Amino acid sequence: DGFADGNTIDDNEESINTNTLYTH
């Protein structure tokens, strides 16, 4: 019910002060 495709993942945050950079 709604959209099965094309849904964006809006909840994201960059890592803070980590040696390996990543976005969660």
PDB file of all heavy atoms in Angstrom:
ATOM      1  N   ASP A   1       0.870  -1.176   0.000  1.00  0.00           N
ATOM      2  CA  ASP A   1       0.000   0.000   0.000  1.00  0.00           C
ATOM      3  C   ASP A   1       0.908   1.228   0.000  1.00  0.00           C
ATOM      4  O   ASP A   1       1.545   1.543   1.000  1.00  0.00           O
ATOM      5  CB  ASP A   1      -0.898  -0.013   1.234  1.00  0.00           C
ATOM      6  CG  ASP A   1      -1.873   1.144   1.265  1.00  0.00           C
ATOM      7  OD1 ASP A   1      -1.953   1.863   0.248  1.00  0.00           O
ATOM      8  OD2 ASP A   1      -2.523   1.342   2.306  1.00  0.00           O
ATOM      9  N   GLY A   2       0.981   1.893  -1.128  1.00  0.00           N
ATOM     10  CA  GLY A   2       1.908   3.007  -1.279  1.00  0.00           C
ATOM     11  C   GLY A   2       2.820   2.754  -2.462  1.00  0.00           C
ATOM     12  O   GLY A   2       2.366   2.374  -3.546  1.00  0.00           O
ATOM     13  N   PHE A   3       4.115   2.931  -2.241  1.00  0.00           N
ATOM     14  CA  PHE A   3       5.085   2.797  -3.326  1.00  0.00           C
ATOM     15  C   PHE A   3       6.080   1.685  -3.001  1.00  0.00           C
ATOM     16  O   PHE A   3       6.777   1.728  -1.991  1.00  0.00           O
ATOM     17  CB  PHE A   3       5.840   4.112  -3.535  1.00  0.00           C
ATOM     18  CG  PHE A   3       4.942   5.265  -3.877  1.00  0.00           C
ATOM     19  CD1 PHE A   3       4.490   6.121  -2.878  1.00  0.00           C
ATOM     20  CD2 PHE A   3       4.528   5.485  -5.179  1.00  0.00           C
ATOM     21  CE1 PHE A   3       3.652   7.184  -3.181  1.00  0.00           C
ATOM     22  CE2 PHE A   3       3.687   6.549  -5.496  1.00  0.00           C
ATOM     23  CZ  PHE A   3       3.242   7.398  -4.492  1.00  0.00           C
ATOM     24  N   ALA A   4       6.157   0.694  -3.877  1.00  0.00           N
ATOM     25  CA  ALA A   4       7.108  -0.401  -3.685  1.00  0.00           C
ATOM     26  C   ALA A   4       8.484  -0.048  -4.224  1.00  0.00           C
ATOM     27  O   ALA A   4       9.477  -0.684  -3.859  1.00  0.00           O
ATOM     28  CB  ALA A   4       6.594  -1.673  -4.371  1.00  0.00           C
ATOM     29  N   ASP A   5       8.575   0.965  -5.066  1.00  0.00           N
ATOM     30  CA  ASP A   5       9.845   1.320  -5.698  1.00  0.00           C
ATOM     31  C   ASP A   5      10.072   2.825  -5.611  1.00  0.00           C
ATOM     32  O   ASP A   5       9.124   3.615  -5.502  1.00  0.00           O
ATOM     33  CB  ASP A   5       9.847   0.876  -7.158  1.00  0.00           C
ATOM     34  CG  ASP A   5      11.243   0.785  -7.749  1.00  0.00           C
ATOM     35  OD1 ASP A   5      12.218   1.038  -7.014  1.00  0.00           O
ATOM     36  OD2 ASP A   5      11.362   0.446  -8.948  1.00  0.00           O
ATOM     37  N   GLY A   6      11.349   3.224  -5.647  1.00  0.00           N
ATOM     38  CA  GLY A   6      11.707   4.631  -5.699  1.00  0.00           C
ATOM     39  C   GLY A   6      11.677   5.364  -4.380  1.00  0.00           C
ATOM     40  O   GLY A   6      11.760   6.596  -4.350  1.00  0.00           O
ATOM     41  N   ASN A   7      11.582   4.647  -3.264  1.00  0.00           N
ATOM     42  CA  ASN A   7      11.556   5.287  -1.947  1.00  0.00           C
ATOM     43  C   ASN A   7      12.977   5.676  -1.531  1.00  0.00           C
ATOM     44  O   ASN A   7      13.872   4.820  -1.482  1.00  0.00           O
ATOM     45  CB  ASN A   7      10.956   4.344  -0.909  1.00  0.00           C
ATOM     46  CG  ASN A   7       9.513   4.000  -1.212  1.00  0.00           C
ATOM     47  OD1 ASN A   7       8.666   4.877  -1.301  1.00  0.00           O
ATOM     48  ND2 ASN A   7       9.233   2.712  -1.389  1.00  0.00           N
ATOM     49  N   THR A   8      13.186   6.935  -1.220  1.00  0.00           N
ATOM     50  CA  THR A   8      14.525   7.395  -0.838  1.00  0.00           C
ATOM     51  C   THR A   8      14.804   7.088   0.632  1.00  0.00           C
ATOM     52  O   THR A   8      13.898   7.048   1.466  1.00  0.00           O
ATOM     53  CB  THR A   8      14.667   8.908  -1.061  1.00  0.00           C
ATOM     54  OG1 THR A   8      13.687   9.598  -0.291  1.00  0.00           O
ATOM     55  CG2 THR A   8      14.505   9.258  -2.527  1.00  0.00           C
ATOM     56  N   ILE A   9      16.076   6.862   0.928  1.00  0.00           N
ATOM     57  CA  ILE A   9      16.522   6.639   2.305  1.00  0.00           C
ATOM     58  C   ILE A   9      17.048   7.976   2.820  1.00  0.00           C
ATOM     59  O   ILE A   9      18.174   8.372   2.531  1.00  0.00           O
ATOM     60  CB  ILE A   9      17.597   5.545   2.363  1.00  0.00           C
ATOM     61  CG1 ILE A   9      17.061   4.252   1.737  1.00  0.00           C
ATOM     62  CG2 ILE A   9      18.038   5.295   3.803  1.00  0.00           C
ATOM     63  CD1 ILE A   9      18.090   3.144   1.623  1.00  0.00           C
ATOM     64  N   ASP A  10      16.213   8.672   3.564  1.00  0.00           N
ATOM     65  CA  ASP A  10      16.524  10.044   3.962  1.00  0.00           C
ATOM     66  C   ASP A  10      17.266  10.154   5.286  1.00  0.00           C
ATOM     67  O   ASP A  10      17.869  11.189   5.578  1.00  0.00           O
ATOM     68  CB  ASP A  10      15.226  10.854   4.048  1.00  0.00           C
ATOM     69  CG  ASP A  10      14.502  10.932   2.711  1.00  0.00           C
ATOM     70  OD1 ASP A  10      15.184  11.089   1.685  1.00  0.00           O
ATOM     71  OD2 ASP A  10      13.259  10.812   2.705  1.00  0.00           O
ATOM     72  N   ASP A  11      17.218   9.100   6.101  1.00  0.00           N
ATOM     73  CA  ASP A  11      17.857   9.140   7.418  1.00  0.00           C
ATOM     74  C   ASP A  11      19.320   8.737   7.273  1.00  0.00           C
ATOM     75  O   ASP A  11      19.640   7.548   7.113  1.00  0.00           O
ATOM     76  CB  ASP A  11      17.129   8.200   8.376  1.00  0.00           C
ATOM     77  CG  ASP A  11      17.613   8.347   9.816  1.00  0.00           C
ATOM     78  OD1 ASP A  11      18.600   9.081  10.040  1.00  0.00           O
ATOM     79  OD2 ASP A  11      17.021   7.723  10.714  1.00  0.00           O
ATOM     80  N   ASN A  12      20.213   9.701   7.280  1.00  0.00           N
ATOM     81  CA  ASN A  12      21.642   9.404   7.163  1.00  0.00           C
ATOM     82  C   ASN A  12      22.453  10.431   7.940  1.00  0.00           C
ATOM     83  O   ASN A  12      22.030  11.584   8.102  1.00  0.00           O
ATOM     84  CB  ASN A  12      22.079   9.367   5.696  1.00  0.00           C
ATOM     85  CG  ASN A  12      21.876  10.689   4.987  1.00  0.00           C
ATOM     86  OD1 ASN A  12      22.710  11.596   5.073  1.00  0.00           O
ATOM     87  ND2 ASN A  12      20.757  10.809   4.277  1.00  0.00           N
ATOM     88  N   GLU A  13      23.615  10.012   8.418  1.00  0.00           N
ATOM     89  CA  GLU A  13      24.496  10.896   9.178  1.00  0.00           C
ATOM     90  C   GLU A  13      25.941  10.450   9.005  1.00  0.00           C
ATOM     91  O   GLU A  13      26.248   9.253   8.980  1.00  0.00           O
ATOM     92  CB  GLU A  13      24.114  10.897  10.667  1.00  0.00           C
ATOM     93  CG  GLU A  13      23.977   9.525  11.290  1.00  0.00           C
ATOM     94  CD  GLU A  13      23.424   9.578  12.701  1.00  0.00           C
ATOM     95  OE1 GLU A  13      23.020  10.662  13.141  1.00  0.00           O
ATOM     96  OE2 GLU A  13      23.399   8.519  13.365  1.00  0.00           O
ATOM     97  N   GLU A  14      26.833  11.429   8.859  1.00  0.00           N
ATOM     98  CA  GLU A  14      28.246  11.136   8.660  1.00  0.00           C
ATOM     99  C   GLU A  14      28.910  10.740   9.977  1.00  0.00           C
ATOM    100  O   GLU A  14      28.502  11.185  11.061  1.00  0.00           O
ATOM    101  CB  GLU A  14      28.961  12.350   8.069  1.00  0.00           C
ATOM    102  CG  GLU A  14      28.514  12.694   6.658  1.00  0.00           C
ATOM    103  CD  GLU A  14      29.293  13.865   6.085  1.00  0.00           C
ATOM    104  OE1 GLU A  14      29.989  14.553   6.869  1.00  0.00           O
ATOM    105  OE2 GLU A  14      29.212  14.097   4.856  1.00  0.00           O
ATOM    106  N   SER A  15      29.919   9.899   9.859  1.00  0.00           N
ATOM    107  CA  SER A  15      30.692   9.523  11.044  1.00  0.00           C
ATOM    108  C   SER A  15      31.426  10.740  11.594  1.00  0.00           C
ATOM    109  O   SER A  15      31.730  11.692  10.867  1.00  0.00           O
ATOM    110  CB  SER A  15      31.690   8.418  10.696  1.00  0.00           C
ATOM    111  OG  SER A  15      32.595   8.867   9.692  1.00  0.00           O
ATOM    112  N   ILE A  16      31.700  10.703  12.894  1.00  0.00           N
ATOM    113  CA  ILE A  16      32.335  11.829  13.576  1.00  0.00           C
ATOM    114  C   ILE A  16      33.686  11.391  14.148  1.00  0.00           C
ATOM    115  O   ILE A  16      33.753  10.447  14.946  1.00  0.00           O
ATOM    116  CB  ILE A  16      31.447  12.367  14.715  1.00  0.00           C
ATOM    117  CG1 ILE A  16      30.098  12.820  14.175  1.00  0.00           C
ATOM    118  CG2 ILE A  16      32.138  13.513  15.443  1.00  0.00           C
ATOM    119  CD1 ILE A  16      29.135  13.251  15.258  1.00  0.00           C
ATOM    120  N   ASN A  17      34.758  12.058  13.736  1.00  0.00           N
ATOM    121  CA  ASN A  17      36.102  11.829  14.276  1.00  0.00           C
ATOM    122  C   ASN A  17      36.538  10.362  14.184  1.00  0.00           C
ATOM    123  O   ASN A  17      37.187   9.843  15.091  1.00  0.00           O
ATOM    124  CB  ASN A  17      36.180  12.293  15.735  1.00  0.00           C
ATOM    125  CG  ASN A  17      35.925  13.778  15.891  1.00  0.00           C
ATOM    126  OD1 ASN A  17      36.294  14.572  15.025  1.00  0.00           O
ATOM    127  ND2 ASN A  17      35.278  14.163  16.986  1.00  0.00           N
ATOM    128  N   THR A  18      36.187   9.694  13.103  1.00  0.00           N
ATOM    129  CA  THR A  18      36.616   8.311  12.908  1.00  0.00           C
ATOM    130  C   THR A  18      37.748   8.254  11.894  1.00  0.00           C
ATOM    131  O   THR A  18      37.822   9.073  10.969  1.00  0.00           O
ATOM    132  CB  THR A  18      35.453   7.430  12.428  1.00  0.00           C
ATOM    133  OG1 THR A  18      34.916   7.991  11.216  1.00  0.00           O
ATOM    134  CG2 THR A  18      34.366   7.336  13.480  1.00  0.00           C
ATOM    135  N   ASN A  19      38.603   7.267  12.063  1.00  0.00           N
ATOM    136  CA  ASN A  19      39.697   7.081  11.115  1.00  0.00           C
ATOM    137  C   ASN A  19      39.174   6.671   9.750  1.00  0.00           C
ATOM    138  O   ASN A  19      39.604   7.191   8.719  1.00  0.00           O
ATOM    139  CB  ASN A  19      40.678   6.037  11.653  1.00  0.00           C
ATOM    140  CG  ASN A  19      41.821   5.789  10.706  1.00  0.00           C
ATOM    141  OD1 ASN A  19      42.578   6.691  10.384  1.00  0.00           O
ATOM    142  ND2 ASN A  19      41.937   4.551  10.234  1.00  0.00           N
ATOM    143  N   THR A  20      38.237   5.710   9.739  1.00  0.00           N
ATOM    144  CA  THR A  20      37.573   5.307   8.504  1.00  0.00           C
ATOM    145  C   THR A  20      36.321   6.160   8.337  1.00  0.00           C
ATOM    146  O   THR A  20      35.423   6.136   9.174  1.00  0.00           O
ATOM    147  CB  THR A  20      37.181   3.817   8.542  1.00  0.00           C
ATOM    148  OG1 THR A  20      38.354   3.016   8.662  1.00  0.00           O
ATOM    149  CG2 THR A  20      36.416   3.423   7.292  1.00  0.00           C
ATOM    150  N   LEU A  21      36.271   6.929   7.262  1.00  0.00           N
ATOM    151  CA  LEU A  21      35.094   7.764   7.013  1.00  0.00           C
ATOM    152  C   LEU A  21      33.933   6.897   6.552  1.00  0.00           C
ATOM    153  O   LEU A  21      34.104   5.981   5.748  1.00  0.00           O
ATOM    154  CB  LEU A  21      35.405   8.819   5.958  1.00  0.00           C
ATOM    155  CG  LEU A  21      36.523   9.819   6.273  1.00  0.00           C
ATOM    156  CD1 LEU A  21      36.686  10.810   5.122  1.00  0.00           C
ATOM    157  CD2 LEU A  21      36.250  10.549   7.580  1.00  0.00           C
ATOM    158  N   TYR A  22      32.742   7.180   7.050  1.00  0.00           N
ATOM    159  CA  TYR A  22      31.549   6.483   6.570  1.00  0.00           C
ATOM    160  C   TYR A  22      30.320   7.324   6.837  1.00  0.00           C
ATOM    161  O   TYR A  22      30.323   8.230   7.675  1.00  0.00           O
ATOM    162  CB  TYR A  22      31.413   5.100   7.224  1.00  0.00           C
ATOM    163  CG  TYR A  22      31.266   5.098   8.735  1.00  0.00           C
ATOM    164  CD1 TYR A  22      30.018   5.233   9.340  1.00  0.00           C
ATOM    165  CD2 TYR A  22      32.387   4.940   9.559  1.00  0.00           C
ATOM    166  CE1 TYR A  22      29.888   5.218  10.726  1.00  0.00           C
ATOM    167  CE2 TYR A  22      32.262   4.915  10.938  1.00  0.00           C
ATOM    168  CZ  TYR A  22      31.015   5.051  11.517  1.00  0.00           C
ATOM    169  OH  TYR A  22      30.880   5.035  12.883  1.00  0.00           O
ATOM    170  N   THR A  23      29.266   7.018   6.095  1.00  0.00           N
ATOM    171  CA  THR A  23      27.959   7.633   6.312  1.00  0.00           C
ATOM    172  C   THR A  23      26.990   6.520   6.679  1.00  0.00           C
ATOM    173  O   THR A  23      26.893   5.515   5.963  1.00  0.00           O
ATOM    174  CB  THR A  23      27.464   8.362   5.057  1.00  0.00           C
ATOM    175  OG1 THR A  23      28.438   9.334   4.654  1.00  0.00           O
ATOM    176  CG2 THR A  23      26.135   9.060   5.326  1.00  0.00           C
ATOM    177  N   HIS A  24      26.294   6.701   7.785  1.00  0.00           N
ATOM    178  CA  HIS A  24      25.364   5.681   8.280  1.00  0.00           C
ATOM    179  C   HIS A  24      23.946   5.987   7.788  1.00  0.00           C
ATOM    180  O   HIS A  24      23.439   7.090   7.976  1.00  0.00           O
ATOM    181  CB  HIS A  24      25.387   5.638   9.801  1.00  0.00           C
ATOM    182  CG  HIS A  24      24.501   4.579  10.377  1.00  0.00           C
ATOM    183  ND1 HIS A  24      24.853   3.237  10.359  1.00  0.00           N
ATOM    184  CD2 HIS A  24      23.273   4.647  10.979  1.00  0.00           C
ATOM    185  CE1 HIS A  24      23.881   2.535  10.933  1.00  0.00           C
ATOM    186  NE2 HIS A  24      22.918   3.364  11.300  1.00  0.00           N
TER     187      HIS A  24
END
